[in-house]
Amino acid sequence: MGWFWADSPTPSGTSPPRRNMSRSPPPECPMHQKSADAITPPSACPVKHDAASTIPPPTSGCPVPHASRTSHSQPAPESQSTLSKLNPLNYMFSNLSQAPAPNQTHALPLEREPSTIPRGDGAGTWEYPSPQQMYNALLRKGYTDTDVTAVESMVGVHNFLNEGAWAEIMAHEQRFAGGLYKGWRMCSRGEENFESTVQRYGYEKEVEELAPSLVRFQGRPQEMTPKAAMIQVMAWLYPAKFATPPPFDRHDWYVTRESDGERREIRYIIDYYNGEPEPTGEPVFYLDVRPALTPTTAAERSIRWASDIWWRASGGEVREP
């Protein structure tokens, strides 16, 4: 047993030695001497005084080694991890260089285009990276085979898609930032009649003064959303109707929403899909923008979808011209 490995094992096959009680004790044993000499203490002191004199006297200095203590009180600086070098607002490298990359064969512009997306800290709007910064970021992420001549077009598509994603977020916030009841009234006449419905119920000022902002965002291209995964399963079961490639990118955007004087964050999920190119060869992209699933956002999405379906299915345009 492992609990008794510290014990010495007894040799097998042999018995322990037995004492012979018939023998007389040795004469030199003091416990068996009958004379008084056996209990007389020796005249010499058993303590070796000469040995004590050889011990060096203690020094007058402090026994604590202050020099070694001081040397250990300051730990060596630790190297920063890759995560600590990322900007927590966008999970990108904070120091995106504008310098050309080694062996770069094509010069790229250094100008950064401002977006229309307000920052959550109130410092204006977000800025898109320059083509040179985009190229350097791709190289740092390991995409060393990137065509440097195509980076400018990539930046243009990147900026265009983000502006489209923000427009979708603004459309949802305009409907539901004021609560479910107001959202239901603004959605009651379908998507195409949103502006006229806002005027009908007198929500023009509330919608115009709405000012959500983007606090932070995160790219998560390796993590497929449950909805995207479900679409892929449906495509496997019914390829004729649901066949579509998986999204090539995913973003999570955290947007501020102010309602009844209370400010909170709403997380939006964006799936980016490639579509069939135009006959002219131009690429086509689809965005699936929706708030992350919570009880409140589930009610918002249900109201918006069901109201539009009911308006069109019930002949709302004919019933209420």
Protein backbone atom coordinates (compact mmCIF):
# COMPACT_ATOMS: atom_id res chain seq x y z
CA MET A 1 0.00 0.00 0.00
CA GLY A 2 1.25 3.41 -0.91
CA TRP A 3 0.39 4.82 2.50
CA PHE A 4 3.13 2.65 4.10
CA TRP A 5 5.96 3.02 1.65
CA ALA A 6 8.02 4.78 4.38
CA ASP A 7 8.13 1.61 6.48
CA SER A 8 11.01 -0.87 6.07
CA PRO A 9 9.73 -4.21 4.74
CA THR A 10 10.33 -7.41 6.74
CA PRO A 11 12.35 -10.04 4.82
CA SER A 12 10.11 -12.90 3.83
CA GLY A 13 10.86 -16.42 5.02
CA THR A 14 12.86 -15.48 8.14
CA SER A 15 11.70 -14.70 11.65
CA PRO A 16 13.08 -11.81 13.70
CA PRO A 17 15.99 -12.71 16.04
CA ARG A 18 15.00 -13.72 19.56
CA ARG A 19 16.84 -12.52 22.68
CA ASN A 20 18.66 -15.18 24.84
CA MET A 21 17.39 -14.40 28.35
CA SER A 22 19.65 -17.09 30.02
CA ARG A 23 22.96 -15.28 29.46
CA SER A 24 24.48 -13.09 32.18
CA PRO A 25 24.93 -9.38 31.53
CA PRO A 26 28.37 -8.10 30.64
CA PRO A 27 30.49 -6.94 33.60
CA GLU A 28 31.01 -3.45 32.19
CA CYS A 29 27.26 -2.64 32.23
CA PRO A 30 26.67 -0.10 35.02
CA MET A 31 23.04 -1.08 35.44
CA HIS A 32 24.05 -4.48 36.79
CA GLN A 33 26.97 -3.50 39.04
CA LYS A 34 26.14 -3.93 42.71
CA SER A 35 28.80 -1.62 44.06
CA ALA A 36 28.38 2.09 44.68
CA ASP A 37 30.94 2.77 41.99
CA ALA A 38 28.25 2.06 39.47
CA ILE A 39 26.26 5.14 40.49
CA THR A 40 29.19 7.45 41.29
CA PRO A 41 29.37 10.27 38.78
CA PRO A 42 32.68 10.82 37.03
CA SER A 43 34.96 13.50 38.47
CA ALA A 44 35.49 15.16 35.13
CA CYS A 45 32.84 17.57 33.71
CA PRO A 46 31.20 16.03 30.69
CA VAL A 47 30.86 19.39 28.96
CA LYS A 48 33.78 20.18 26.63
CA HIS A 49 34.67 23.74 27.54
CA ASP A 50 37.50 23.86 25.00
CA ALA A 51 35.04 23.15 22.19
CA ALA A 52 32.82 26.05 23.36
CA SER A 53 35.77 28.42 23.26
CA THR A 54 36.36 27.64 19.62
CA ILE A 55 32.90 29.02 18.59
CA PRO A 56 33.45 32.49 17.10
CA PRO A 57 31.69 35.33 18.93
CA PRO A 58 28.67 36.86 17.22
CA THR A 59 29.32 39.92 15.14
CA SER A 60 27.89 43.25 16.12
CA GLY A 61 26.24 43.81 12.71
CA CYS A 62 22.59 43.08 11.81
CA PRO A 63 22.18 39.41 10.84
CA VAL A 64 19.64 40.25 8.09
CA PRO A 65 21.37 40.49 4.63
CA HIS A 66 19.96 43.81 3.50
CA ALA A 67 21.83 43.72 0.20
CA SER A 68 20.22 40.48 -0.91
CA ARG A 69 16.86 41.67 0.42
CA THR A 70 17.07 44.85 -1.64
CA SER A 71 18.02 42.96 -4.76
CA HIS A 72 14.93 40.74 -4.48
CA SER A 73 12.49 43.53 -3.60
CA GLN A 74 12.36 44.76 -7.20
CA PRO A 75 11.17 41.99 -9.53
CA ALA A 76 12.43 41.92 -13.06
CA PRO A 77 10.03 43.48 -15.57
CA GLU A 78 7.88 40.90 -17.31
CA SER A 79 7.47 40.84 -21.04
CA GLN A 80 4.08 42.01 -22.30
CA SER A 81 1.75 39.41 -23.72
CA THR A 82 0.14 39.76 -27.13
CA LEU A 83 -3.27 40.40 -25.55
CA SER A 84 -1.91 43.33 -23.51
CA LYS A 85 -0.75 45.01 -26.72
CA LEU A 86 -4.28 45.11 -28.15
CA ASN A 87 -6.57 48.10 -27.99
CA PRO A 88 -9.52 47.04 -25.76
CA LEU A 89 -11.92 49.13 -27.87
CA ASN A 90 -11.37 47.22 -31.10
CA TYR A 91 -9.01 44.33 -30.18
CA MET A 92 -6.48 45.55 -32.73
CA PHE A 93 -2.83 46.42 -32.24
CA SER A 94 -2.60 49.88 -30.74
CA ASN A 95 0.49 50.86 -32.70
CA LEU A 96 -0.50 50.20 -36.30
CA SER A 97 2.51 51.44 -38.20
CA GLN A 98 2.29 53.66 -41.25
CA ALA A 99 5.77 52.62 -42.38
CA PRO A 100 6.12 50.42 -45.47
CA ALA A 101 6.58 46.74 -44.73
CA PRO A 102 9.87 45.03 -45.56
CA ASN A 103 10.08 44.00 -49.22
CA GLN A 104 6.89 45.96 -50.00
CA THR A 105 6.82 46.54 -53.76
CA HIS A 106 3.88 48.95 -54.01
CA ALA A 107 3.36 52.25 -52.17
CA LEU A 108 0.08 52.56 -50.29
CA PRO A 109 -1.78 55.72 -49.18
CA LEU A 110 -1.42 56.86 -45.57
CA GLU A 111 -4.66 58.87 -45.32
CA ARG A 112 -7.34 57.63 -42.91
CA GLU A 113 -11.00 58.08 -43.78
CA PRO A 114 -13.36 59.17 -40.98
CA SER A 115 -16.54 57.17 -40.53
CA THR A 116 -20.03 58.31 -39.61
CA ILE A 117 -20.05 56.10 -36.51
CA PRO A 118 -19.85 58.07 -33.24
CA ARG A 119 -17.39 56.89 -30.63
CA GLY A 120 -18.69 55.83 -27.25
CA ASP A 121 -16.24 58.10 -25.40
CA GLY A 122 -17.55 61.20 -27.19
CA ALA A 123 -14.27 61.85 -29.03
CA GLY A 124 -15.81 62.36 -32.47
CA THR A 125 -16.26 59.45 -34.84
CA TRP A 126 -14.28 56.31 -35.49
CA GLU A 127 -11.55 56.44 -38.14
CA TYR A 128 -10.91 53.67 -40.62
CA PRO A 129 -7.33 52.45 -41.03
CA SER A 130 -5.28 53.67 -43.95
CA PRO A 131 -4.39 51.16 -46.67
CA GLN A 132 -0.84 51.02 -45.32
CA GLN A 133 -2.09 50.27 -41.81
CA MET A 134 -4.45 47.64 -43.16
CA TYR A 135 -1.61 45.93 -45.00
CA ASN A 136 0.65 45.99 -41.93
CA ALA A 137 -2.16 44.57 -39.79
CA LEU A 138 -2.73 41.73 -42.25
CA LEU A 139 0.96 40.87 -42.19
CA ARG A 140 1.01 40.84 -38.38
CA LYS A 141 -1.93 38.45 -38.37
CA GLY A 142 -0.07 36.04 -40.63
CA TYR A 143 -1.62 36.85 -44.04
CA THR A 144 1.74 37.16 -45.72
CA ASP A 145 0.35 36.24 -49.16
CA THR A 146 -1.84 39.39 -49.36
CA ASP A 147 -1.70 41.12 -52.74
CA VAL A 148 -0.44 44.59 -51.91
CA THR A 149 -2.05 46.06 -55.04
CA ALA A 150 -5.51 44.98 -53.84
CA VAL A 151 -5.30 46.52 -50.37
CA GLU A 152 -6.85 49.85 -51.40
CA SER A 153 -9.91 48.05 -52.77
CA MET A 154 -10.09 45.95 -49.62
CA VAL A 155 -10.15 49.08 -47.47
CA GLY A 156 -12.92 50.55 -49.61
CA VAL A 157 -15.05 47.41 -49.23
CA HIS A 158 -14.28 47.25 -45.52
CA ASN A 159 -15.44 50.83 -44.97
CA PHE A 160 -18.54 50.37 -47.13
CA LEU A 161 -19.65 47.26 -45.21
CA ASN A 162 -19.14 48.89 -41.83
CA GLU A 163 -21.21 51.90 -42.87
CA GLY A 164 -23.95 49.53 -44.01
CA ALA A 165 -23.82 47.67 -40.69
CA TRP A 166 -24.17 50.94 -38.77
CA ALA A 167 -27.17 51.93 -40.90
CA GLU A 168 -28.88 48.66 -39.93
CA ILE A 169 -28.11 49.25 -36.26
CA MET A 170 -29.49 52.80 -36.46
CA ALA A 171 -32.70 51.50 -38.05
CA HIS A 172 -33.26 49.10 -35.17
CA GLU A 173 -32.39 51.66 -32.51
CA GLN A 174 -34.78 54.20 -34.02
CA ARG A 175 -37.61 51.74 -33.53
CA PHE A 176 -36.85 50.33 -30.09
CA ALA A 177 -34.64 52.74 -28.17
CA GLY A 178 -37.81 54.20 -26.64
CA GLY A 179 -39.18 50.87 -25.47
CA LEU A 180 -41.31 48.02 -26.76
CA TYR A 181 -44.60 49.92 -26.91
CA LYS A 182 -43.24 52.75 -29.02
CA GLY A 183 -41.40 50.23 -31.14
CA TRP A 184 -44.59 48.30 -31.78
CA ARG A 185 -46.41 51.47 -32.86
CA MET A 186 -43.60 52.50 -35.24
CA CYS A 187 -43.50 48.97 -36.73
CA SER A 188 -47.28 48.57 -37.02
CA ARG A 189 -47.45 49.65 -40.66
CA GLY A 190 -44.55 47.63 -42.03
CA GLU A 191 -40.95 48.41 -42.82
CA GLU A 192 -41.63 50.50 -45.92
CA ASN A 193 -43.95 52.89 -44.06
CA PHE A 194 -41.67 53.58 -41.12
CA GLU A 195 -41.18 57.29 -41.78
CA SER A 196 -44.85 58.01 -42.31
CA THR A 197 -45.73 56.01 -39.20
CA VAL A 198 -43.28 58.06 -37.15
CA GLN A 199 -44.99 61.23 -38.37
CA ARG A 200 -48.43 59.79 -37.67
CA TYR A 201 -47.64 59.14 -34.00
CA GLY A 202 -45.52 62.26 -33.49
CA TYR A 203 -42.17 60.59 -32.86
CA GLU A 204 -40.18 62.78 -35.30
CA LYS A 205 -38.16 64.67 -32.67
CA GLU A 206 -37.40 61.54 -30.68
CA VAL A 207 -36.09 59.76 -33.75
CA GLU A 208 -34.08 62.75 -34.99
CA GLU A 209 -32.38 63.33 -31.64
CA LEU A 210 -31.48 59.68 -31.20
CA ALA A 211 -27.70 59.45 -30.87
CA PRO A 212 -26.41 55.93 -30.22
CA SER A 213 -22.67 55.38 -30.28
CA LEU A 214 -20.27 52.52 -30.78
CA VAL A 215 -18.40 51.82 -27.55
CA ARG A 216 -16.18 49.00 -28.79
CA PHE A 217 -16.18 46.16 -31.28
CA GLN A 218 -14.49 42.84 -31.77
CA GLY A 219 -13.80 40.71 -34.82
CA ARG A 220 -14.48 37.01 -34.24
CA PRO A 221 -14.09 35.35 -37.66
CA GLN A 222 -13.26 31.92 -36.19
CA GLU A 223 -16.41 31.73 -34.04
CA MET A 224 -19.58 30.93 -35.97
CA THR A 225 -22.81 32.25 -34.49
CA PRO A 226 -25.60 29.79 -33.63
CA LYS A 227 -27.78 31.26 -36.39
CA ALA A 228 -25.06 30.85 -39.01
CA ALA A 229 -24.45 27.28 -37.85
CA MET A 230 -28.17 26.52 -38.10
CA ILE A 231 -28.25 27.87 -41.65
CA GLN A 232 -25.38 25.56 -42.56
CA VAL A 233 -27.31 22.59 -41.14
CA MET A 234 -30.38 23.58 -43.17
CA ALA A 235 -28.19 23.90 -46.26
CA TRP A 236 -26.96 20.35 -45.67
CA LEU A 237 -30.54 19.06 -45.30
CA TYR A 238 -32.13 21.16 -48.06
CA PRO A 239 -29.34 22.34 -50.36
CA ALA A 240 -31.72 23.46 -53.10
CA LYS A 241 -33.27 26.12 -50.85
CA PHE A 242 -30.74 26.99 -48.15
CA ALA A 243 -27.39 26.35 -49.81
CA THR A 244 -25.10 29.23 -48.94
CA PRO A 245 -21.43 29.44 -47.98
CA PRO A 246 -20.67 30.19 -44.34
CA PRO A 247 -20.01 33.80 -43.37
CA PHE A 248 -16.49 34.96 -44.07
CA ASP A 249 -16.42 37.26 -41.04
CA ARG A 250 -18.20 38.05 -37.80
CA HIS A 251 -18.18 41.18 -35.65
CA ASP A 252 -19.62 41.97 -32.24
CA TRP A 253 -20.47 45.66 -31.79
CA TYR A 254 -21.38 47.17 -28.41
CA VAL A 255 -23.73 50.12 -28.86
CA THR A 256 -25.04 52.56 -26.26
CA ARG A 257 -28.79 52.95 -25.82
CA GLU A 258 -30.35 55.66 -23.69
CA SER A 259 -33.89 55.00 -22.51
CA ASP A 260 -35.74 56.86 -19.73
CA GLY A 261 -32.51 58.52 -18.62
CA GLU A 262 -30.72 55.18 -18.29
CA ARG A 263 -27.76 54.28 -20.46
CA ARG A 264 -26.91 50.69 -21.24
CA GLU A 265 -25.03 48.67 -23.84
CA ILE A 266 -26.63 46.54 -26.52
CA ARG A 267 -24.48 43.94 -28.22
CA TYR A 268 -25.08 43.55 -31.95
CA ILE A 269 -23.91 40.55 -33.97
CA ILE A 270 -22.95 40.96 -37.62
CA ASP A 271 -22.42 38.06 -40.02
CA TYR A 272 -20.78 38.91 -43.35
CA TYR A 273 -21.70 36.76 -46.36
CA ASN A 274 -20.47 36.61 -49.93
CA GLY A 275 -23.14 36.65 -52.62
CA GLU A 276 -23.18 35.80 -56.28
CA PRO A 277 -21.21 38.46 -58.19
CA GLU A 278 -22.93 40.85 -60.54
CA PRO A 279 -22.88 40.15 -64.30
CA THR A 280 -20.29 42.91 -64.53
CA GLY A 281 -18.06 41.01 -62.11
CA GLU A 282 -18.62 43.31 -59.12
CA PRO A 283 -18.70 41.46 -55.80
CA VAL A 284 -21.91 41.23 -53.75
CA PHE A 285 -22.08 41.05 -49.99
CA TYR A 286 -24.89 40.40 -47.51
CA LEU A 287 -24.98 41.48 -43.89
CA ASP A 288 -27.05 39.80 -41.20
CA VAL A 289 -27.23 42.45 -38.45
CA ARG A 290 -29.26 41.78 -35.30
CA PRO A 291 -29.00 42.37 -31.55
CA ALA A 292 -27.68 39.50 -29.47
CA LEU A 293 -30.43 37.30 -28.09
CA THR A 294 -31.92 38.42 -24.77
CA PRO A 295 -35.55 38.39 -23.63
CA THR A 296 -35.92 42.07 -24.59
CA THR A 297 -34.18 41.85 -27.95
CA ALA A 298 -36.10 38.68 -28.77
CA ALA A 299 -39.34 40.60 -28.25
CA GLU A 300 -38.04 43.47 -30.39
CA ARG A 301 -37.14 41.22 -33.28
CA SER A 302 -40.43 39.36 -33.05
CA ILE A 303 -42.43 42.60 -33.09
CA ARG A 304 -40.55 43.98 -36.05
CA TRP A 305 -40.76 40.80 -38.10
CA ALA A 306 -44.38 39.94 -37.26
CA SER A 307 -45.63 43.49 -37.84
CA ASP A 308 -44.13 43.64 -41.30
CA ILE A 309 -45.48 40.20 -42.23
CA TRP A 310 -48.95 41.05 -40.94
CA TRP A 311 -49.05 44.40 -42.74
CA ARG A 312 -48.23 42.88 -46.11
CA ALA A 313 -50.27 39.68 -45.66
CA SER A 314 -53.41 41.49 -44.52
CA GLY A 315 -53.35 43.98 -47.39
CA GLY A 316 -52.42 46.96 -45.27
CA GLU A 317 -51.68 49.15 -48.26
CA VAL A 318 -55.20 48.62 -49.58
CA ARG A 319 -56.84 48.87 -46.18
CA GLU A 320 -55.01 52.06 -45.12
CA PRO A 321 -53.93 54.04 -48.15
